[in-house]
Amino acid sequence: MRDKPFSRHGIRFRAGQRIAEAILDYVGQTPPSTEQRRQKPQARARALARKAARQAALTAGSLTLPPGPLGWLTLLPELRSLWKLQTQMVADIAGCYGKTAELEREQMLYCLFHHTDPQAVRDLVAQIGKRLVVQRASRPEVQSVALKIGMHISQRLIGKGISRWIPVFGALGAGAYAYYDTSQVAETAIELFTAVIEVPVEEAPAD
């Protein structure tokens, strides 16, 4: 009996690692966008957000439909599908604000996961007055942030996975959550790209 908690913890940790690896796959490179800078970017950004949220709900709902143990196999593909959609949405929102060049892995991590785990991404973007200052992060630091987020999501999925045993209700619930989650990502992106973004310039090492 005593081994069960440790076994459960080990499963969560391995799941967290796999999720972190999937996160790094999507934040390493910004997807290309055809969106051009708009004079009134917020209206276009919200239209993009609504479209992406509807697509996310449809994707998550359909992937949740398989009942029983088969449904567990859709968890990571579901996350990958949602992150692919959300990273494209963030890139498009950045495009209509004319800030594609400023969108790097720190901003992408912040947009995707600020609402999910604000503590994990708090050191990536700092608010100073009306300015948002993006902190450059080394690869190990980005990996550490991704692992924290992965562990947080893996804990949440333990409860979420139960919905795989209730096909119709699970599909509706997953679709609704995906809509909400994508909408929150969009709100963070709009807030970030509306603000004045500053990225500290790294000083060259002294000779």
Protein backbone atom coordinates (compact mmCIF):
# COMPACT_ATOMS: atom_id res chain seq x y z
CA MET A 1 0.00 0.00 0.00
CA ARG A 2 2.85 2.38 0.80
CA ASP A 3 4.26 2.01 -2.69
CA LYS A 4 1.15 3.41 -4.37
CA PRO A 5 1.71 7.12 -3.62
CA PHE A 6 5.29 6.85 -4.85
CA SER A 7 4.17 4.99 -7.95
CA ARG A 8 1.52 7.63 -8.60
CA HIS A 9 4.09 10.37 -8.10
CA GLY A 10 6.43 8.64 -10.55
CA ILE A 11 3.68 8.44 -13.16
CA ARG A 12 2.90 12.16 -12.71
CA PHE A 13 6.59 13.04 -13.05
CA ARG A 14 7.03 11.01 -16.23
CA ALA A 15 3.83 12.50 -17.63
CA GLY A 16 5.08 15.97 -16.68
CA GLN A 17 8.34 15.34 -18.52
CA ARG A 18 6.52 14.21 -21.68
CA ILE A 19 4.25 17.25 -21.54
CA ALA A 20 7.28 19.54 -21.03
CA GLU A 21 8.94 18.03 -24.11
CA ALA A 22 5.78 18.67 -26.11
CA ILE A 23 5.68 22.27 -24.86
CA LEU A 24 9.27 22.87 -25.97
CA ASP A 25 8.40 21.54 -29.43
CA TYR A 26 5.92 24.38 -29.88
CA VAL A 27 7.68 27.33 -28.25
CA GLY A 28 11.08 26.85 -29.87
CA GLN A 29 10.05 28.29 -33.22
CA THR A 30 7.38 30.87 -33.97
CA PRO A 31 5.02 29.69 -36.73
CA PRO A 32 4.84 31.97 -39.78
CA SER A 33 1.85 34.28 -40.07
CA THR A 34 0.25 36.03 -43.03
CA GLU A 35 -1.37 38.66 -40.78
CA GLN A 36 -0.39 42.26 -41.54
CA ARG A 37 -0.24 45.17 -39.12
CA ARG A 38 -3.68 46.76 -38.71
CA GLN A 39 -4.65 50.29 -37.81
CA LYS A 40 -7.20 48.81 -35.38
CA PRO A 41 -5.56 45.54 -34.39
CA GLN A 42 -7.78 44.70 -31.42
CA ALA A 43 -10.88 44.04 -33.54
CA ARG A 44 -8.92 41.71 -35.81
CA ALA A 45 -7.23 40.04 -32.83
CA ARG A 46 -10.58 39.27 -31.21
CA ALA A 47 -11.91 37.84 -34.48
CA LEU A 48 -8.86 35.58 -34.64
CA ALA A 49 -9.42 34.59 -31.02
CA ARG A 50 -13.06 33.63 -31.59
CA LYS A 51 -12.19 31.54 -34.64
CA ALA A 52 -9.36 29.74 -32.83
CA ALA A 53 -11.50 29.10 -29.74
CA ARG A 54 -14.22 27.48 -31.87
CA GLN A 55 -11.65 25.30 -33.61
CA ALA A 56 -10.13 24.34 -30.24
CA ALA A 57 -13.53 23.32 -28.86
CA LEU A 58 -14.23 21.15 -31.89
CA THR A 59 -10.79 19.53 -31.75
CA ALA A 60 -10.87 18.79 -28.03
CA GLY A 61 -14.44 17.52 -28.15
CA SER A 62 -13.77 15.08 -30.97
CA LEU A 63 -10.57 13.76 -29.38
CA THR A 64 -12.38 13.11 -26.11
CA LEU A 65 -15.07 10.94 -27.67
CA PRO A 66 -13.33 7.51 -27.45
CA PRO A 67 -14.55 5.94 -24.18
CA GLY A 68 -12.64 3.91 -21.61
CA PRO A 69 -8.87 3.28 -21.72
CA LEU A 70 -8.72 4.30 -25.39
CA GLY A 71 -9.64 7.83 -24.33
CA TRP A 72 -6.47 8.15 -22.24
CA LEU A 73 -4.41 7.78 -25.41
CA THR A 74 -5.91 11.01 -26.77
CA LEU A 75 -4.67 13.22 -23.90
CA LEU A 76 -1.24 14.15 -25.26
CA PRO A 77 -2.37 14.38 -28.91
CA GLU A 78 -5.17 16.67 -27.70
CA LEU A 79 -2.68 18.95 -25.96
CA ARG A 80 -0.40 18.97 -28.99
CA SER A 81 -3.30 19.84 -31.29
CA LEU A 82 -4.42 22.67 -29.01
CA TRP A 83 -0.92 24.11 -28.61
CA LYS A 84 -0.36 24.00 -32.36
CA LEU A 85 -3.59 25.94 -32.85
CA GLN A 86 -2.84 28.36 -30.00
CA THR A 87 0.73 29.11 -31.08
CA GLN A 88 -0.55 29.96 -34.56
CA MET A 89 -3.21 32.18 -33.02
CA VAL A 90 -0.61 34.01 -30.91
CA ALA A 91 1.60 34.48 -33.98
CA ASP A 92 -1.35 35.87 -35.95
CA ILE A 93 -2.30 38.25 -33.13
CA ALA A 94 1.32 39.43 -32.95
CA GLY A 95 1.17 39.99 -36.71
CA CYS A 96 -1.87 42.23 -36.65
CA TYR A 97 -0.19 44.32 -33.92
CA GLY A 98 2.96 44.53 -36.06
CA LYS A 99 5.05 42.71 -33.44
CA THR A 100 5.99 39.50 -35.19
CA ALA A 101 9.70 40.27 -34.83
CA GLU A 102 9.29 40.61 -31.06
CA LEU A 103 7.61 37.22 -30.62
CA GLU A 104 10.12 34.73 -29.25
CA ARG A 105 9.96 31.69 -26.98
CA GLU A 106 9.67 33.70 -23.77
CA GLN A 107 6.62 35.61 -25.04
CA MET A 108 5.09 32.43 -26.46
CA LEU A 109 5.45 30.57 -23.16
CA TYR A 110 3.99 33.56 -21.34
CA CYS A 111 0.99 33.81 -23.66
CA LEU A 112 0.21 30.09 -23.67
CA PHE A 113 0.55 29.41 -19.95
CA HIS A 114 0.16 32.62 -17.95
CA HIS A 115 -3.45 31.79 -17.11
CA THR A 116 -2.63 28.13 -16.41
CA ASP A 117 0.41 28.54 -14.16
CA PRO A 118 1.28 32.21 -13.53
CA GLN A 119 3.94 31.29 -10.97
CA ALA A 120 5.90 29.27 -13.53
CA VAL A 121 6.08 32.11 -16.08
CA ARG A 122 6.28 35.08 -13.71
CA ASP A 123 10.01 35.62 -14.35
CA LEU A 124 9.61 35.70 -18.15
CA VAL A 125 7.63 38.94 -18.41
CA ALA A 126 7.61 41.67 -15.76
CA GLN A 127 5.23 44.62 -15.67
CA ILE A 128 6.82 47.96 -14.85
CA GLY A 129 4.23 50.71 -14.97
CA LYS A 130 2.57 50.45 -18.39
CA ARG A 131 5.53 48.61 -19.87
CA LEU A 132 6.08 44.87 -20.10
CA VAL A 133 9.71 43.84 -19.91
CA VAL A 134 10.61 40.47 -21.40
CA GLN A 135 13.39 38.68 -19.56
CA ARG A 136 15.74 36.66 -21.73
CA ALA A 137 15.92 33.07 -20.53
CA SER A 138 18.63 30.53 -21.18
CA ARG A 139 17.71 27.14 -22.61
CA PRO A 140 17.99 25.41 -19.18
CA GLU A 141 15.75 28.12 -17.69
CA VAL A 142 13.15 27.62 -20.43
CA GLN A 143 13.32 23.84 -19.88
CA SER A 144 12.79 24.38 -16.14
CA VAL A 145 9.73 26.55 -16.80
CA ALA A 146 8.34 23.96 -19.22
CA LEU A 147 8.81 21.18 -16.66
CA LYS A 148 6.98 23.18 -13.97
CA ILE A 149 4.09 23.73 -16.37
CA GLY A 150 4.17 20.07 -17.42
CA MET A 151 3.91 18.91 -13.80
CA HIS A 152 1.04 21.30 -13.17
CA ILE A 153 -0.84 20.07 -16.24
CA SER A 154 -0.18 16.39 -15.44
CA GLN A 155 -1.78 16.83 -12.02
CA ARG A 156 -4.80 18.48 -13.59
CA LEU A 157 -5.13 15.72 -16.17
CA ILE A 158 -5.52 13.08 -13.49
CA GLY A 159 -8.97 14.48 -12.83
CA LYS A 160 -9.62 15.38 -16.44
CA GLY A 161 -8.84 11.85 -17.59
CA ILE A 162 -11.91 10.57 -15.74
CA SER A 163 -14.04 12.28 -18.38
CA ARG A 164 -12.76 9.72 -20.90
CA TRP A 165 -15.06 7.20 -19.22
CA ILE A 166 -18.14 9.36 -19.84
CA PRO A 167 -18.05 9.94 -23.62
CA VAL A 168 -20.76 12.53 -24.29
CA PHE A 169 -20.42 14.58 -21.11
CA GLY A 170 -16.62 14.33 -21.37
CA ALA A 171 -16.65 15.59 -24.95
CA LEU A 172 -18.84 18.57 -24.09
CA GLY A 173 -16.75 19.43 -21.03
CA ALA A 174 -13.44 19.14 -22.86
CA GLY A 175 -14.74 21.25 -25.73
CA ALA A 176 -15.96 23.96 -23.36
CA TYR A 177 -12.67 23.99 -21.49
CA ALA A 178 -10.64 24.17 -24.73
CA TYR A 179 -12.76 27.16 -25.83
CA TYR A 180 -12.15 28.88 -22.49
CA ASP A 181 -8.44 28.00 -22.45
CA THR A 182 -7.85 29.33 -25.98
CA SER A 183 -9.79 32.50 -25.19
CA GLN A 184 -7.55 33.10 -22.15
CA VAL A 185 -4.43 32.62 -24.27
CA ALA A 186 -5.80 35.21 -26.70
CA GLU A 187 -6.53 37.69 -23.90
CA THR A 188 -2.96 37.37 -22.60
CA ALA A 189 -1.56 37.84 -26.12
CA ILE A 190 -3.71 40.92 -26.77
CA GLU A 191 -2.67 42.45 -23.44
CA LEU A 192 1.00 41.70 -24.16
CA PHE A 193 1.07 43.07 -27.69
CA THR A 194 -1.02 46.13 -26.79
CA ALA A 195 1.58 47.11 -24.21
CA VAL A 196 5.00 48.58 -24.88
CA ILE A 197 7.31 45.58 -24.90
CA GLU A 198 10.92 45.97 -23.92
CA VAL A 199 13.57 43.29 -24.31
CA PRO A 200 16.79 44.06 -22.42
CA VAL A 201 19.84 44.03 -24.70
CA GLU A 202 22.50 41.61 -23.60
CA GLU A 203 25.78 43.34 -22.93
CA ALA A 204 28.82 42.02 -24.74
CA PRO A 205 31.39 40.46 -22.39
CA ALA A 206 34.27 42.71 -21.48
CA ASP A 207 37.64 41.97 -23.08
